[in-house]
Amino acid sequence: MEHIHSYLLDLPMLFRETGRSPEEACIQVFNEARRNVPSIVYIPSIDQWWELVAETVRAILIAQLQRLDPNIPILFLATADRLYKDLPSELRDIFSHYRNEVMEVEPPNCEIRRFFYKPLIIDSSLRLPRQPRERPKTPPPLLRAPTPPPPPLNEEECRKLYDKEEHTLRELRIFLRDMCKKLASNKL
């Protein structure tokens, strides 16, 4: 039912906008319903609605219903708080018992209410509450892995490393010799 457009034609909707007459609001609802088919036009408490609206709004409603194509998928739905035989004759002409357009609903008795509410209230209250989901515990922190030993050097890499260290030692000896000379010259 979510894909079906529904339009409410009650008293607050008719008189909601002060710049628009109730007649215009009624015409607009039916135009929107024709434009967006399939659709539903719903009037709650049509017996009160019929007594409170002006004669022109009633005439427009009847004219709009007569203008509807019988094959267009628009459902005109209304509810009344009175029995069908107590409705005004114009309303009885709109909804016909002969065409099976009237459904009288009686208030539910105690047994029907109990049958309806039992699964909602009683059965759900007797059910055990859902157990909370067990969350996995966090694992203990891992110990730091030892540093891997350096890869073994082949003969050529050993020779290059030896030459580099000899060069560094030579530079240090030269630097220390110069320092010793400066210190000796400052002493005198």
N, C-alpha and C. Protein backbone atom coordinates (compact mmCIF):
# COMPACT_ATOMS: atom_id res chain seq x y z
N MET A 1 0.81 -1.20 0.00
CA MET A 1 0.00 0.00 0.00
C MET A 1 0.86 1.27 0.00
N GLU A 2 2.17 1.15 0.25
CA GLU A 2 3.00 2.35 0.31
C GLU A 2 3.12 3.04 -1.04
N HIS A 3 2.95 2.30 -2.12
CA HIS A 3 3.11 2.90 -3.44
C HIS A 3 1.84 3.59 -3.92
N ILE A 4 0.74 3.50 -3.16
CA ILE A 4 -0.53 4.11 -3.56
C ILE A 4 -0.64 5.48 -2.90
N HIS A 5 -0.96 6.48 -3.69
CA HIS A 5 -1.15 7.83 -3.17
C HIS A 5 -2.49 7.90 -2.46
N SER A 6 -2.52 8.52 -1.29
CA SER A 6 -3.78 8.66 -0.56
C SER A 6 -4.02 10.14 -0.27
N TYR A 7 -5.27 10.54 -0.38
CA TYR A 7 -5.66 11.93 -0.18
C TYR A 7 -6.78 11.98 0.84
N LEU A 8 -6.63 12.86 1.81
CA LEU A 8 -7.60 13.02 2.88
C LEU A 8 -8.47 14.23 2.56
N LEU A 9 -9.77 14.04 2.63
CA LEU A 9 -10.71 15.12 2.32
C LEU A 9 -11.59 15.34 3.55
N ASP A 10 -10.98 15.77 4.66
CA ASP A 10 -11.75 16.03 5.86
C ASP A 10 -11.92 17.53 6.06
N LEU A 11 -12.61 17.92 7.11
CA LEU A 11 -12.90 19.34 7.33
C LEU A 11 -11.64 20.18 7.53
N PRO A 12 -10.67 19.75 8.35
CA PRO A 12 -9.46 20.58 8.48
C PRO A 12 -8.73 20.78 7.16
N MET A 13 -8.75 19.77 6.30
CA MET A 13 -8.07 19.90 5.01
C MET A 13 -8.79 20.90 4.12
N LEU A 14 -10.13 20.91 4.18
CA LEU A 14 -10.89 21.85 3.35
C LEU A 14 -10.66 23.30 3.76
N PHE A 15 -10.54 23.54 5.07
CA PHE A 15 -10.44 24.91 5.57
C PHE A 15 -9.04 25.27 6.04
N ARG A 16 -8.03 24.50 5.67
CA ARG A 16 -6.66 24.73 6.12
C ARG A 16 -6.10 26.04 5.58
N GLU A 17 -6.22 26.26 4.29
CA GLU A 17 -5.65 27.46 3.68
C GLU A 17 -6.72 28.52 3.55
N THR A 18 -6.43 29.70 4.07
CA THR A 18 -7.43 30.77 4.03
C THR A 18 -7.55 31.38 2.63
N GLY A 19 -6.54 31.25 1.82
CA GLY A 19 -6.58 31.82 0.47
C GLY A 19 -7.27 30.93 -0.54
N ARG A 20 -7.81 29.81 -0.10
CA ARG A 20 -8.44 28.86 -1.02
C ARG A 20 -9.79 28.46 -0.45
N SER A 21 -10.78 28.41 -1.30
CA SER A 21 -12.12 28.04 -0.84
C SER A 21 -12.22 26.52 -0.69
N PRO A 22 -13.17 26.03 0.11
CA PRO A 22 -13.35 24.58 0.25
C PRO A 22 -13.68 23.91 -1.08
N GLU A 23 -14.37 24.61 -1.94
CA GLU A 23 -14.69 24.05 -3.26
C GLU A 23 -13.42 23.79 -4.06
N GLU A 24 -12.50 24.77 -4.03
CA GLU A 24 -11.22 24.60 -4.74
C GLU A 24 -10.41 23.45 -4.15
N ALA A 25 -10.43 23.32 -2.83
CA ALA A 25 -9.69 22.23 -2.18
C ALA A 25 -10.25 20.87 -2.60
N CYS A 26 -11.57 20.76 -2.69
CA CYS A 26 -12.20 19.50 -3.10
C CYS A 26 -11.83 19.16 -4.54
N ILE A 27 -11.88 20.15 -5.42
CA ILE A 27 -11.51 19.93 -6.83
C ILE A 27 -10.05 19.53 -6.94
N GLN A 28 -9.18 20.20 -6.16
CA GLN A 28 -7.75 19.90 -6.23
C GLN A 28 -7.45 18.47 -5.78
N VAL A 29 -8.13 17.99 -4.75
CA VAL A 29 -7.91 16.62 -4.27
C VAL A 29 -8.25 15.62 -5.37
N PHE A 30 -9.36 15.82 -6.04
CA PHE A 30 -9.74 14.88 -7.10
C PHE A 30 -8.81 14.99 -8.31
N ASN A 31 -8.36 16.20 -8.63
CA ASN A 31 -7.39 16.35 -9.74
C ASN A 31 -6.08 15.64 -9.43
N GLU A 32 -5.60 15.78 -8.18
CA GLU A 32 -4.37 15.10 -7.77
C GLU A 32 -4.56 13.58 -7.81
N ALA A 33 -5.73 13.12 -7.38
CA ALA A 33 -5.99 11.67 -7.38
C ALA A 33 -6.02 11.14 -8.81
N ARG A 34 -6.59 11.91 -9.75
CA ARG A 34 -6.60 11.48 -11.15
C ARG A 34 -5.19 11.48 -11.74
N ARG A 35 -4.39 12.44 -11.33
CA ARG A 35 -3.04 12.56 -11.88
C ARG A 35 -2.12 11.45 -11.37
N ASN A 36 -2.30 11.01 -10.15
CA ASN A 36 -1.41 10.01 -9.52
C ASN A 36 -2.18 8.72 -9.23
N VAL A 37 -2.51 8.00 -10.26
CA VAL A 37 -3.22 6.73 -10.05
C VAL A 37 -2.21 5.61 -9.86
N PRO A 38 -2.48 4.57 -9.13
CA PRO A 38 -3.65 4.32 -8.30
C PRO A 38 -3.62 5.20 -7.05
N SER A 39 -4.80 5.58 -6.60
CA SER A 39 -4.88 6.46 -5.44
C SER A 39 -6.15 6.20 -4.65
N ILE A 40 -6.18 6.79 -3.45
CA ILE A 40 -7.31 6.64 -2.53
C ILE A 40 -7.73 8.03 -2.08
N VAL A 41 -9.04 8.31 -2.15
CA VAL A 41 -9.60 9.54 -1.59
C VAL A 41 -10.42 9.11 -0.38
N TYR A 42 -10.05 9.62 0.79
CA TYR A 42 -10.67 9.16 2.04
C TYR A 42 -11.33 10.33 2.75
N ILE A 43 -12.61 10.13 3.14
CA ILE A 43 -13.34 11.11 3.94
C ILE A 43 -13.76 10.44 5.25
N PRO A 44 -13.12 10.80 6.37
CA PRO A 44 -13.56 10.22 7.65
C PRO A 44 -14.82 10.93 8.15
N SER A 45 -15.69 10.20 8.79
CA SER A 45 -16.95 10.74 9.35
C SER A 45 -17.71 11.56 8.32
N ILE A 46 -18.06 10.93 7.22
CA ILE A 46 -18.72 11.65 6.13
C ILE A 46 -20.10 12.15 6.53
N ASP A 47 -20.74 11.52 7.51
CA ASP A 47 -22.04 12.01 7.96
C ASP A 47 -21.93 13.39 8.59
N GLN A 48 -20.92 13.62 9.43
CA GLN A 48 -20.69 14.95 10.00
C GLN A 48 -20.20 15.91 8.94
N TRP A 49 -19.30 15.44 8.08
CA TRP A 49 -18.75 16.26 7.00
C TRP A 49 -19.88 16.79 6.13
N TRP A 50 -20.83 15.92 5.79
CA TRP A 50 -21.94 16.28 4.90
C TRP A 50 -22.81 17.37 5.51
N GLU A 51 -23.02 17.32 6.83
CA GLU A 51 -23.85 18.32 7.50
C GLU A 51 -23.15 19.66 7.63
N LEU A 52 -21.82 19.66 7.75
CA LEU A 52 -21.10 20.90 8.04
C LEU A 52 -20.63 21.67 6.81
N VAL A 53 -20.45 21.01 5.68
CA VAL A 53 -19.96 21.74 4.50
C VAL A 53 -21.12 22.40 3.77
N ALA A 54 -20.76 23.37 2.94
CA ALA A 54 -21.78 24.11 2.19
C ALA A 54 -22.38 23.24 1.08
N GLU A 55 -23.52 23.68 0.59
CA GLU A 55 -24.21 22.95 -0.48
C GLU A 55 -23.36 22.87 -1.74
N THR A 56 -22.55 23.90 -2.00
CA THR A 56 -21.70 23.88 -3.21
C THR A 56 -20.62 22.82 -3.11
N VAL A 57 -20.06 22.62 -1.92
CA VAL A 57 -19.03 21.58 -1.74
C VAL A 57 -19.65 20.21 -1.95
N ARG A 58 -20.86 20.01 -1.46
CA ARG A 58 -21.55 18.73 -1.68
C ARG A 58 -21.78 18.50 -3.16
N ALA A 59 -22.25 19.54 -3.86
CA ALA A 59 -22.52 19.40 -5.30
C ALA A 59 -21.23 19.10 -6.06
N ILE A 60 -20.13 19.75 -5.67
CA ILE A 60 -18.84 19.51 -6.34
C ILE A 60 -18.38 18.08 -6.08
N LEU A 61 -18.54 17.58 -4.85
CA LEU A 61 -18.16 16.21 -4.54
C LEU A 61 -18.93 15.22 -5.41
N ILE A 62 -20.24 15.41 -5.51
CA ILE A 62 -21.06 14.51 -6.34
C ILE A 62 -20.66 14.62 -7.80
N ALA A 63 -20.40 15.84 -8.27
CA ALA A 63 -20.00 16.03 -9.67
C ALA A 63 -18.64 15.38 -9.94
N GLN A 64 -17.70 15.51 -9.02
CA GLN A 64 -16.38 14.91 -9.20
C GLN A 64 -16.47 13.38 -9.22
N LEU A 65 -17.33 12.83 -8.37
CA LEU A 65 -17.50 11.37 -8.36
C LEU A 65 -18.15 10.88 -9.66
N GLN A 66 -19.08 11.67 -10.20
CA GLN A 66 -19.73 11.27 -11.45
C GLN A 66 -18.77 11.40 -12.63
N ARG A 67 -17.82 12.34 -12.55
CA ARG A 67 -16.85 12.54 -13.63
C ARG A 67 -15.77 11.46 -13.67
N LEU A 68 -15.63 10.70 -12.58
CA LEU A 68 -14.59 9.67 -12.54
C LEU A 68 -14.90 8.57 -13.54
N ASP A 69 -13.89 8.20 -14.30
CA ASP A 69 -14.02 7.08 -15.23
C ASP A 69 -14.15 5.79 -14.41
N PRO A 70 -15.10 4.91 -14.73
CA PRO A 70 -15.27 3.69 -13.92
C PRO A 70 -14.06 2.77 -13.96
N ASN A 71 -13.20 2.90 -14.97
CA ASN A 71 -12.03 2.02 -15.08
C ASN A 71 -10.78 2.61 -14.45
N ILE A 72 -10.85 3.84 -13.96
CA ILE A 72 -9.66 4.47 -13.37
C ILE A 72 -9.46 3.90 -11.96
N PRO A 73 -8.23 3.56 -11.58
CA PRO A 73 -8.00 2.93 -10.27
C PRO A 73 -7.94 3.94 -9.13
N ILE A 74 -9.11 4.48 -8.79
CA ILE A 74 -9.23 5.38 -7.64
C ILE A 74 -10.26 4.79 -6.70
N LEU A 75 -9.87 4.64 -5.44
CA LEU A 75 -10.79 4.13 -4.42
C LEU A 75 -11.32 5.31 -3.64
N PHE A 76 -12.64 5.46 -3.64
CA PHE A 76 -13.28 6.50 -2.83
C PHE A 76 -13.78 5.82 -1.57
N LEU A 77 -13.21 6.18 -0.43
CA LEU A 77 -13.48 5.51 0.83
C LEU A 77 -13.98 6.53 1.84
N ALA A 78 -15.06 6.17 2.54
CA ALA A 78 -15.60 7.07 3.57
C ALA A 78 -16.09 6.23 4.73
N THR A 79 -16.03 6.83 5.91
CA THR A 79 -16.56 6.18 7.10
C THR A 79 -17.67 7.05 7.67
N ALA A 80 -18.60 6.42 8.36
CA ALA A 80 -19.70 7.15 9.00
C ALA A 80 -19.90 6.60 10.40
N ASP A 81 -20.35 7.47 11.28
CA ASP A 81 -20.59 7.06 12.66
C ASP A 81 -22.03 6.62 12.88
N ARG A 82 -22.85 6.69 11.83
CA ARG A 82 -24.25 6.27 11.91
C ARG A 82 -24.47 5.06 11.03
N LEU A 83 -25.61 4.44 11.21
CA LEU A 83 -26.00 3.34 10.33
C LEU A 83 -26.34 3.88 8.95
N TYR A 84 -26.27 3.02 7.98
CA TYR A 84 -26.51 3.41 6.59
C TYR A 84 -27.92 3.97 6.41
N LYS A 85 -28.89 3.39 7.09
CA LYS A 85 -30.28 3.85 6.92
C LYS A 85 -30.50 5.23 7.52
N ASP A 86 -29.61 5.68 8.44
CA ASP A 86 -29.76 6.99 9.07
C ASP A 86 -29.03 8.09 8.31
N LEU A 87 -28.31 7.76 7.25
CA LEU A 87 -27.57 8.76 6.47
C LEU A 87 -28.53 9.54 5.59
N PRO A 88 -28.14 10.77 5.20
CA PRO A 88 -28.97 11.54 4.25
C PRO A 88 -29.11 10.79 2.93
N SER A 89 -30.18 11.07 2.22
CA SER A 89 -30.48 10.33 0.98
C SER A 89 -29.41 10.55 -0.08
N GLU A 90 -28.79 11.76 -0.14
CA GLU A 90 -27.74 12.01 -1.13
C GLU A 90 -26.54 11.10 -0.90
N LEU A 91 -26.20 10.88 0.37
CA LEU A 91 -25.08 9.98 0.68
C LEU A 91 -25.44 8.53 0.37
N ARG A 92 -26.67 8.16 0.65
CA ARG A 92 -27.09 6.80 0.33
C ARG A 92 -27.06 6.56 -1.17
N ASP A 93 -27.28 7.62 -1.96
CA ASP A 93 -27.21 7.48 -3.42
C ASP A 93 -25.76 7.28 -3.89
N ILE A 94 -24.81 7.88 -3.17
CA ILE A 94 -23.39 7.73 -3.54
C ILE A 94 -22.93 6.30 -3.27
N PHE A 95 -23.27 5.79 -2.10
CA PHE A 95 -22.85 4.44 -1.70
C PHE A 95 -24.08 3.54 -1.72
N SER A 96 -24.06 2.53 -2.54
CA SER A 96 -25.24 1.70 -2.74
C SER A 96 -25.06 0.32 -2.10
N HIS A 97 -26.10 -0.12 -1.36
CA HIS A 97 -26.12 -1.49 -0.84
C HIS A 97 -26.23 -2.48 -2.00
N TYR A 98 -26.95 -2.09 -3.02
CA TYR A 98 -27.19 -2.96 -4.17
C TYR A 98 -25.89 -3.34 -4.87
N ARG A 99 -24.95 -2.39 -4.96
CA ARG A 99 -23.66 -2.65 -5.63
C ARG A 99 -22.60 -3.15 -4.65
N ASN A 100 -22.99 -3.51 -3.45
CA ASN A 100 -22.08 -3.98 -2.39
C ASN A 100 -20.99 -2.96 -2.08
N GLU A 101 -21.38 -1.70 -1.99
CA GLU A 101 -20.42 -0.63 -1.67
C GLU A 101 -20.48 -0.22 -0.20
N VAL A 102 -21.33 -0.88 0.56
CA VAL A 102 -21.49 -0.52 1.97
C VAL A 102 -21.10 -1.71 2.83
N MET A 103 -20.27 -1.45 3.81
CA MET A 103 -19.89 -2.50 4.75
C MET A 103 -20.16 -1.97 6.15
N GLU A 104 -21.04 -2.64 6.85
CA GLU A 104 -21.35 -2.23 8.21
C GLU A 104 -20.48 -3.04 9.17
N VAL A 105 -19.77 -2.34 10.02
CA VAL A 105 -18.84 -2.97 10.96
C VAL A 105 -19.41 -2.80 12.36
N GLU A 106 -19.57 -3.90 13.04
CA GLU A 106 -20.06 -3.85 14.41
C GLU A 106 -18.88 -3.79 15.36
N PRO A 107 -19.08 -3.19 16.53
CA PRO A 107 -17.98 -3.17 17.50
C PRO A 107 -17.63 -4.59 17.93
N PRO A 108 -16.35 -4.88 18.12
CA PRO A 108 -15.97 -6.25 18.49
C PRO A 108 -16.40 -6.58 19.92
N ASN A 109 -16.78 -7.83 20.12
CA ASN A 109 -17.14 -8.24 21.48
C ASN A 109 -15.87 -8.58 22.26
N CYS A 110 -16.06 -8.96 23.50
CA CYS A 110 -14.92 -9.20 24.40
C CYS A 110 -14.04 -10.35 23.92
N GLU A 111 -14.67 -11.41 23.40
CA GLU A 111 -13.92 -12.58 22.95
C GLU A 111 -13.04 -12.25 21.74
N ILE A 112 -13.56 -11.48 20.82
CA ILE A 112 -12.78 -11.09 19.62
C ILE A 112 -11.61 -10.21 20.02
N ARG A 113 -11.84 -9.29 20.95
CA ARG A 113 -10.75 -8.43 21.43
C ARG A 113 -9.65 -9.26 22.10
N ARG A 114 -10.07 -10.22 22.93
CA ARG A 114 -9.10 -11.08 23.61
C ARG A 114 -8.28 -11.87 22.59
N PHE A 115 -8.94 -12.39 21.57
CA PHE A 115 -8.26 -13.16 20.52
C PHE A 115 -7.26 -12.27 19.77
N PHE A 116 -7.61 -11.00 19.56
CA PHE A 116 -6.72 -10.09 18.83
C PHE A 116 -5.50 -9.68 19.67
N TYR A 117 -5.74 -9.35 20.95
CA TYR A 117 -4.66 -8.81 21.78
C TYR A 117 -3.82 -9.88 22.47
N LYS A 118 -4.29 -11.12 22.49
CA LYS A 118 -3.53 -12.17 23.18
C LYS A 118 -2.11 -12.31 22.65
N PRO A 119 -1.90 -12.45 21.34
CA PRO A 119 -0.50 -12.57 20.88
C PRO A 119 0.30 -11.29 21.10
N LEU A 120 -0.37 -10.15 21.09
CA LEU A 120 0.37 -8.89 21.24
C LEU A 120 0.82 -8.63 22.66
N ILE A 121 -0.05 -8.91 23.62
CA ILE A 121 0.26 -8.53 25.00
C ILE A 121 0.64 -9.74 25.85
N ILE A 122 -0.24 -10.70 25.93
CA ILE A 122 -0.03 -11.81 26.87
C ILE A 122 1.13 -12.70 26.43
N ASP A 123 1.12 -13.13 25.18
CA ASP A 123 2.19 -14.02 24.72
C ASP A 123 3.56 -13.34 24.75
N SER A 124 3.60 -12.08 24.40
CA SER A 124 4.90 -11.39 24.41
C SER A 124 5.40 -11.15 25.83
N SER A 125 4.48 -10.98 26.79
CA SER A 125 4.93 -10.78 28.18
C SER A 125 5.39 -12.09 28.82
N LEU A 126 4.89 -13.23 28.35
CA LEU A 126 5.30 -14.51 28.91
C LEU A 126 6.62 -15.01 28.33
N ARG A 127 7.02 -14.47 27.21
CA ARG A 127 8.28 -14.88 26.60
C ARG A 127 9.46 -14.39 27.44
N LEU A 128 10.48 -15.22 27.56
CA LEU A 128 11.68 -14.82 28.29
C LEU A 128 12.40 -13.71 27.54
N PRO A 129 13.00 -12.79 28.28
CA PRO A 129 13.74 -11.74 27.58
C PRO A 129 14.95 -12.31 26.87
N ARG A 130 15.32 -11.66 25.83
CA ARG A 130 16.48 -12.13 25.05
C ARG A 130 17.75 -11.97 25.86
N GLN A 131 18.58 -12.99 25.83
CA GLN A 131 19.85 -12.94 26.54
C GLN A 131 20.81 -12.02 25.79
N PRO A 132 21.56 -11.23 26.53
CA PRO A 132 22.52 -10.37 25.82
C PRO A 132 23.59 -11.21 25.14
N ARG A 133 24.04 -10.73 24.05
CA ARG A 133 25.03 -11.46 23.26
C ARG A 133 26.39 -11.40 23.97
N GLU A 134 27.03 -12.55 24.04
CA GLU A 134 28.36 -12.61 24.66
C GLU A 134 29.38 -12.02 23.71
N ARG A 135 30.06 -11.03 24.18
CA ARG A 135 31.09 -10.41 23.35
C ARG A 135 32.41 -11.15 23.57
N PRO A 136 33.17 -11.35 22.53
CA PRO A 136 34.47 -12.03 22.71
C PRO A 136 35.40 -11.17 23.55
N LYS A 137 36.14 -11.85 24.44
CA LYS A 137 37.08 -11.13 25.29
C LYS A 137 38.30 -10.73 24.47
N THR A 138 38.88 -9.60 24.85
CA THR A 138 40.06 -9.15 24.12
C THR A 138 41.24 -10.03 24.51
N PRO A 139 42.03 -10.45 23.56
CA PRO A 139 43.17 -11.31 23.87
C PRO A 139 44.24 -10.52 24.63
N PRO A 140 45.06 -11.21 25.44
CA PRO A 140 46.12 -10.50 26.18
C PRO A 140 47.14 -9.92 25.19
N PRO A 141 47.80 -8.83 25.60
CA PRO A 141 48.78 -8.23 24.69
C PRO A 141 49.94 -9.20 24.42
N LEU A 142 50.41 -9.19 23.23
CA LEU A 142 51.50 -10.08 22.83
C LEU A 142 52.84 -9.50 23.26
N LEU A 143 53.80 -10.39 23.56
CA LEU A 143 55.15 -9.95 23.89
C LEU A 143 55.84 -9.46 22.63
N ARG A 144 56.78 -8.54 22.84
CA ARG A 144 57.49 -8.00 21.69
C ARG A 144 58.40 -9.07 21.10
N ALA A 145 58.32 -9.21 19.81
CA ALA A 145 59.14 -10.23 19.13
C ALA A 145 60.60 -9.79 19.13
N PRO A 146 61.53 -10.75 19.30
CA PRO A 146 62.95 -10.38 19.28
C PRO A 146 63.35 -9.91 17.88
N THR A 147 64.35 -9.01 17.88
CA THR A 147 64.83 -8.51 16.58
C THR A 147 65.56 -9.62 15.85
N PRO A 148 65.25 -9.76 14.61
CA PRO A 148 65.90 -10.84 13.87
C PRO A 148 67.39 -10.54 13.70
N PRO A 149 68.23 -11.56 13.71
CA PRO A 149 69.68 -11.33 13.53
C PRO A 149 69.94 -10.82 12.11
N PRO A 150 71.01 -10.03 11.97
CA PRO A 150 71.31 -9.52 10.63
C PRO A 150 71.65 -10.67 9.68
N PRO A 151 71.36 -10.50 8.44
CA PRO A 151 71.65 -11.59 7.50
C PRO A 151 73.16 -11.82 7.41
N PRO A 152 73.59 -13.06 7.25
CA PRO A 152 75.04 -13.34 7.17
C PRO A 152 75.64 -12.69 5.92
N LEU A 153 76.87 -12.16 6.10
CA LEU A 153 77.55 -11.47 4.99
C LEU A 153 78.40 -12.45 4.19
N ASN A 154 78.41 -12.22 2.90
CA ASN A 154 79.30 -13.07 2.08
C ASN A 154 80.71 -12.46 2.09
N GLU A 155 81.64 -13.05 1.39
CA GLU A 155 83.05 -12.64 1.44
C GLU A 155 83.25 -11.23 0.90
N GLU A 156 82.61 -10.88 -0.17
CA GLU A 156 82.78 -9.55 -0.77
C GLU A 156 82.21 -8.47 0.14
N GLU A 157 81.05 -8.73 0.76
CA GLU A 157 80.45 -7.75 1.66
C GLU A 157 81.32 -7.57 2.90
N CYS A 158 81.93 -8.66 3.38
CA CYS A 158 82.84 -8.56 4.53
C CYS A 158 84.04 -7.69 4.18
N ARG A 159 84.60 -7.84 2.98
CA ARG A 159 85.75 -7.05 2.57
C ARG A 159 85.37 -5.57 2.46
N LYS A 160 84.18 -5.26 1.89
CA LYS A 160 83.74 -3.86 1.77
C LYS A 160 83.53 -3.24 3.14
N LEU A 161 82.94 -3.99 4.05
CA LEU A 161 82.72 -3.49 5.40
C LEU A 161 84.05 -3.24 6.11
N TYR A 162 85.02 -4.13 5.93
CA TYR A 162 86.34 -3.97 6.53
C TYR A 162 87.02 -2.72 5.98
N ASP A 163 86.96 -2.51 4.65
CA ASP A 163 87.58 -1.32 4.05
C ASP A 163 86.93 -0.04 4.56
N LYS A 164 85.62 -0.06 4.72
CA LYS A 164 84.90 1.13 5.20
C LYS A 164 85.32 1.45 6.64
N GLU A 165 85.42 0.42 7.48
CA GLU A 165 85.83 0.65 8.87
C GLU A 165 87.27 1.15 8.94
N GLU A 166 88.16 0.63 8.10
CA GLU A 166 89.55 1.08 8.07
C GLU A 166 89.62 2.55 7.66
N HIS A 167 88.80 2.94 6.68
CA HIS A 167 88.78 4.33 6.22
C HIS A 167 88.30 5.25 7.36
N THR A 168 87.26 4.82 8.09
CA THR A 168 86.75 5.62 9.21
C THR A 168 87.81 5.75 10.30
N LEU A 169 88.52 4.67 10.62
CA LEU A 169 89.58 4.72 11.63
C LEU A 169 90.71 5.65 11.20
N ARG A 170 91.06 5.63 9.93
CA ARG A 170 92.11 6.50 9.41
C ARG A 170 91.71 7.96 9.58
N GLU A 171 90.44 8.31 9.25
CA GLU A 171 89.99 9.69 9.40
C GLU A 171 90.01 10.10 10.87
N LEU A 172 89.63 9.20 11.77
CA LEU A 172 89.66 9.52 13.20
C LEU A 172 91.09 9.75 13.70
N ARG A 173 92.04 8.94 13.23
CA ARG A 173 93.44 9.12 13.63
C ARG A 173 93.96 10.47 13.17
N ILE A 174 93.62 10.86 11.92
CA ILE A 174 94.07 12.16 11.41
C ILE A 174 93.47 13.28 12.24
N PHE A 175 92.18 13.17 12.56
CA PHE A 175 91.50 14.20 13.34
C PHE A 175 92.12 14.30 14.73
N LEU A 176 92.38 13.13 15.38
CA LEU A 176 92.97 13.15 16.71
C LEU A 176 94.40 13.70 16.70
N ARG A 177 95.14 13.42 15.65
CA ARG A 177 96.50 13.93 15.54
C ARG A 177 96.46 15.46 15.48
N ASP A 178 95.54 16.00 14.66
CA ASP A 178 95.43 17.46 14.57
C ASP A 178 95.03 18.07 15.90
N MET A 179 94.14 17.43 16.62
CA MET A 179 93.70 17.94 17.92
C MET A 179 94.86 17.94 18.93
N CYS A 180 95.61 16.86 18.90
CA CYS A 180 96.74 16.77 19.83
C CYS A 180 97.77 17.87 19.53
N LYS A 181 98.00 18.18 18.25
CA LYS A 181 98.94 19.24 17.88
C LYS A 181 98.45 20.58 18.39
N LYS A 182 97.15 20.86 18.27
CA LYS A 182 96.61 22.15 18.73
C LYS A 182 96.72 22.26 20.25
N LEU A 183 96.43 21.16 20.93
CA LEU A 183 96.52 21.19 22.38
C LEU A 183 97.98 21.39 22.84
N ALA A 184 98.91 20.77 22.13
CA ALA A 184 100.32 20.90 22.49
C ALA A 184 100.81 22.32 22.23
N SER A 185 100.33 22.94 21.16
CA SER A 185 100.78 24.30 20.85
C SER A 185 100.17 25.32 21.81
N ASN A 186 98.99 25.06 22.33
CA ASN A 186 98.34 25.98 23.28
C ASN A 186 98.97 25.87 24.66
N LYS A 187 99.63 24.76 24.95
CA LYS A 187 100.18 24.51 26.26
C LYS A 187 101.43 25.37 26.49
N LEU A 188 102.20 25.60 25.46
CA LEU A 188 103.46 26.31 25.62
C LEU A 188 103.28 27.74 25.82
